[in-house]
Amino acid sequence: QQAQFDAVIRNRCASSSATRALRLYLREDATTSSKHGLKTLPMVASKRLVHQLQCLYIDGFRVPYNCNFTKFMSRFLQLSHLTLHSFILYSFVELHRIICALPSLLDLELHSGSTASEAIVHHDGLRFTPRNHPHLRRVFISYMKRGIMFPFSQWVASTDVFSTCTELQIAIRNDALEGWVTYFRPILEHIGCTLKSLK
């Protein structure tokens, strides 16, 4: 079943001669084969898709997933827009790897994201080297859990990933606003002077 699903993904991705955008939805009621198949997308995508894809939207990406998923995201060299919606990762390290695997990434949207264990972990041992990340232009963050946002804000504060950002949008529930100031302060303090829109 897995091989059949991978073949379907390959055929669909190769069906268009100019695939620039791809939207993928993984629902809770999806079959086991579909769940694991979707999460092997970077490994089974056609060469045509790898070289042409510019926008990728994934809804419902959750653990467990193929351990090579983040590694193979680096195949999408032209990807400039990434949206992750309703996702659950093992840890922030996985999100960090996904973002840093995309050298052409300019627009990043993160909605309703969390980690498998929502305990806030200090990632002091994680090395954030300037050469290993894109320079984001537009960022939209909404309703993220602390297990993602705490290390994300640390990462932003330790790099120049936001140095060329022109648009930043943040959505927070009213009942969580006070606590979230702590997480967004490092982001606002380290954003570049290029910022034109803050919402």
Protein backbone atom coordinates (compact mmCIF):
# COMPACT_ATOMS: atom_id res chain seq x y z
CA GLN A 1 0.00 0.00 0.00
CA GLN A 2 2.84 2.37 0.80
CA ALA A 3 4.47 1.77 -2.58
CA GLN A 4 1.13 2.35 -4.33
CA PHE A 5 0.59 5.61 -2.48
CA ASP A 6 4.10 6.83 -3.28
CA ALA A 7 3.44 6.05 -6.96
CA VAL A 8 0.25 8.12 -6.88
CA ILE A 9 2.13 11.06 -5.37
CA ARG A 10 4.80 10.78 -8.05
CA ASN A 11 2.26 10.67 -10.87
CA ARG A 12 0.21 13.58 -9.59
CA CYS A 13 3.26 15.73 -8.97
CA ALA A 14 4.54 14.98 -12.46
CA SER A 15 1.22 15.49 -14.22
CA SER A 16 1.74 19.23 -14.67
CA SER A 17 4.65 20.65 -16.63
CA ALA A 18 4.68 23.80 -14.48
CA THR A 19 3.73 22.98 -10.90
CA ARG A 20 4.52 26.10 -8.85
CA ALA A 21 2.21 25.58 -5.85
CA LEU A 22 1.08 22.48 -3.99
CA ARG A 23 -1.53 22.18 -1.22
CA LEU A 24 -1.62 18.99 0.85
CA TYR A 25 -4.23 18.08 3.47
CA LEU A 26 -3.83 15.30 6.00
CA ARG A 27 -7.01 14.70 7.98
CA GLU A 28 -7.50 12.77 11.20
CA ASP A 29 -9.66 10.22 9.39
CA ALA A 30 -7.04 9.52 6.74
CA THR A 31 -5.96 5.93 6.32
CA THR A 32 -2.66 4.78 7.80
CA SER A 33 -1.27 4.37 4.29
CA SER A 34 -2.24 7.93 3.35
CA LYS A 35 -0.76 9.38 6.53
CA HIS A 36 2.62 7.76 6.04
CA GLY A 37 2.56 8.35 2.29
CA LEU A 38 2.02 12.09 2.56
CA LYS A 39 4.87 12.36 5.02
CA THR A 40 7.28 10.84 2.50
CA LEU A 41 6.52 13.59 -0.03
CA PRO A 42 10.06 15.05 -0.21
CA MET A 43 11.47 11.59 -0.87
CA VAL A 44 9.08 10.57 -3.67
CA ALA A 45 8.51 13.93 -5.40
CA SER A 46 9.51 14.00 -9.04
CA LYS A 47 12.61 15.90 -10.18
CA ARG A 48 10.33 18.28 -12.08
CA LEU A 49 8.43 19.17 -8.92
CA VAL A 50 11.61 19.49 -6.88
CA HIS A 51 13.02 22.08 -9.28
CA GLN A 52 9.81 24.02 -9.94
CA LEU A 53 7.87 24.12 -6.68
CA GLN A 54 7.75 27.59 -5.15
CA CYS A 55 4.81 27.43 -2.71
CA LEU A 56 4.00 24.54 -0.38
CA TYR A 57 0.99 24.38 1.99
CA ILE A 58 0.67 21.43 4.37
CA ASP A 59 -2.33 21.06 6.67
CA GLY A 60 -2.32 18.39 9.37
CA PHE A 61 1.33 17.33 9.36
CA ARG A 62 1.76 15.39 12.61
CA VAL A 63 3.88 12.80 14.35
CA PRO A 64 4.81 10.11 13.61
CA TYR A 65 6.49 10.90 10.30
CA ASN A 66 9.41 9.61 8.28
CA CYS A 67 12.63 10.49 10.08
CA ASN A 68 14.17 11.66 6.78
CA PHE A 69 11.38 14.17 6.04
CA THR A 70 13.29 17.24 7.23
CA LYS A 71 16.49 16.10 5.53
CA PHE A 72 14.83 15.70 2.14
CA MET A 73 13.05 19.07 2.34
CA SER A 74 16.37 20.49 1.14
CA ARG A 75 15.54 19.11 -2.31
CA PHE A 76 13.09 21.99 -2.84
CA LEU A 77 15.71 24.57 -3.76
CA GLN A 78 13.24 27.04 -5.31
CA LEU A 79 10.65 26.93 -2.52
CA SER A 80 10.00 30.51 -1.42
CA HIS A 81 6.72 30.13 0.49
CA LEU A 82 5.96 27.55 3.18
CA THR A 83 2.76 27.24 5.21
CA LEU A 84 2.36 24.69 8.00
CA HIS A 85 -1.12 24.50 9.49
CA SER A 86 -2.34 22.36 12.43
CA PHE A 87 0.98 20.59 12.81
CA ILE A 88 2.58 18.61 15.62
CA LEU A 89 6.34 18.02 15.52
CA TYR A 90 8.58 16.00 17.80
CA SER A 91 10.36 19.20 18.88
CA PHE A 92 11.37 22.65 17.67
CA VAL A 93 14.53 21.07 16.30
CA GLU A 94 12.41 19.57 13.51
CA LEU A 95 10.92 22.96 12.58
CA HIS A 96 14.38 24.52 12.67
CA ARG A 97 15.67 21.86 10.28
CA ILE A 98 12.77 22.31 7.88
CA ILE A 99 13.21 26.09 7.69
CA CYS A 100 16.99 25.93 7.37
CA ALA A 101 16.75 23.27 4.66
CA LEU A 102 15.07 25.82 2.34
CA PRO A 103 17.67 28.38 1.17
CA SER A 104 15.19 30.29 -1.03
CA LEU A 105 12.48 30.60 1.62
CA LEU A 106 11.08 34.13 1.93
CA ASP A 107 7.55 33.72 3.26
CA LEU A 108 6.77 31.58 6.31
CA GLU A 109 3.34 30.95 7.81
CA LEU A 110 2.92 28.89 10.98
CA HIS A 111 -0.59 28.22 12.27
CA SER A 112 -1.73 26.16 15.27
CA GLY A 113 1.56 24.37 15.79
CA SER A 114 2.82 22.41 18.77
CA THR A 115 5.26 19.71 19.81
CA ALA A 116 4.50 16.13 20.81
CA SER A 117 5.58 17.06 24.34
CA GLU A 118 4.55 20.60 25.21
CA ALA A 119 7.14 20.89 27.97
CA ILE A 120 9.27 23.99 27.29
CA VAL A 121 12.80 22.87 26.59
CA HIS A 122 15.83 25.16 26.58
CA HIS A 123 17.80 24.53 23.40
CA ASP A 124 21.06 26.01 24.63
CA GLY A 125 23.00 23.24 22.93
CA LEU A 126 21.46 23.88 19.52
CA ARG A 127 23.87 25.79 17.31
CA PHE A 128 22.26 28.53 15.25
CA THR A 129 24.84 29.40 12.63
CA PRO A 130 24.17 32.40 10.33
CA ARG A 131 25.04 30.49 7.16
CA ASN A 132 22.42 27.82 7.81
CA HIS A 133 19.18 29.76 7.55
CA PRO A 134 17.21 31.76 4.97
CA HIS A 135 16.41 35.46 5.38
CA LEU A 136 12.67 35.71 5.75
CA ARG A 137 10.70 38.55 4.19
CA ARG A 138 7.16 37.84 5.38
CA VAL A 139 6.19 35.94 8.54
CA PHE A 140 2.71 35.10 9.86
CA ILE A 141 2.48 33.33 13.24
CA SER A 142 -0.86 32.36 14.79
CA TYR A 143 -1.96 30.34 17.81
CA MET A 144 1.34 28.58 18.36
CA LYS A 145 2.00 26.56 21.51
CA ARG A 146 4.83 27.47 23.87
CA GLY A 147 6.86 24.36 23.05
CA ILE A 148 7.41 25.83 19.58
CA MET A 149 7.41 29.57 20.32
CA PHE A 150 9.95 29.64 23.15
CA PRO A 151 12.83 28.08 21.17
CA PHE A 152 11.64 29.88 18.00
CA SER A 153 12.07 33.25 19.74
CA GLN A 154 15.49 32.15 21.01
CA TRP A 155 16.52 31.25 17.49
CA VAL A 156 15.37 34.58 16.07
CA ALA A 157 17.25 36.43 18.81
CA SER A 158 20.48 34.55 18.04
CA THR A 159 20.47 34.99 14.25
CA ASP A 160 19.64 37.55 11.58
CA VAL A 161 16.86 35.41 10.09
CA PHE A 162 14.45 38.39 10.43
CA SER A 163 16.94 41.07 9.37
CA THR A 164 15.20 41.59 6.01
CA CYS A 165 11.63 40.99 7.18
CA THR A 166 9.17 43.55 5.79
CA GLU A 167 5.91 42.11 7.14
CA LEU A 168 5.16 40.41 10.46
CA GLN A 169 1.71 39.26 11.55
CA ILE A 170 1.02 37.72 14.96
CA ALA A 171 -2.28 36.26 16.14
CA ILE A 172 -2.75 35.37 19.82
CA ARG A 173 -5.78 34.46 21.87
CA ASN A 174 -6.81 37.27 24.23
CA ASP A 175 -6.52 35.06 27.31
CA ALA A 176 -2.89 34.27 26.47
CA LEU A 177 -1.72 37.72 25.45
CA GLU A 178 0.08 38.66 28.67
CA GLY A 179 2.26 35.57 28.79
CA TRP A 180 3.10 35.68 25.10
CA VAL A 181 4.75 39.08 25.34
CA THR A 182 7.73 37.23 26.79
CA TYR A 183 8.09 35.13 23.65
CA PHE A 184 7.56 37.85 21.09
CA ARG A 185 9.77 40.49 22.72
CA PRO A 186 13.02 38.87 21.42
CA ILE A 187 11.51 38.71 17.93
CA LEU A 188 10.52 42.38 17.94
CA GLU A 189 13.87 43.42 19.39
CA HIS A 190 15.89 41.63 16.72
CA ILE A 191 13.82 42.34 13.67
CA GLY A 192 15.52 44.46 11.03
CA CYS A 193 14.81 48.07 10.16
CA THR A 194 13.21 46.88 6.93
CA LEU A 195 9.91 46.13 8.71
CA LYS A 196 7.04 47.97 7.05
CA SER A 197 3.99 46.16 8.44
CA LEU A 198 3.32 44.82 11.93
CA LYS A 199 -0.09 43.41 12.85
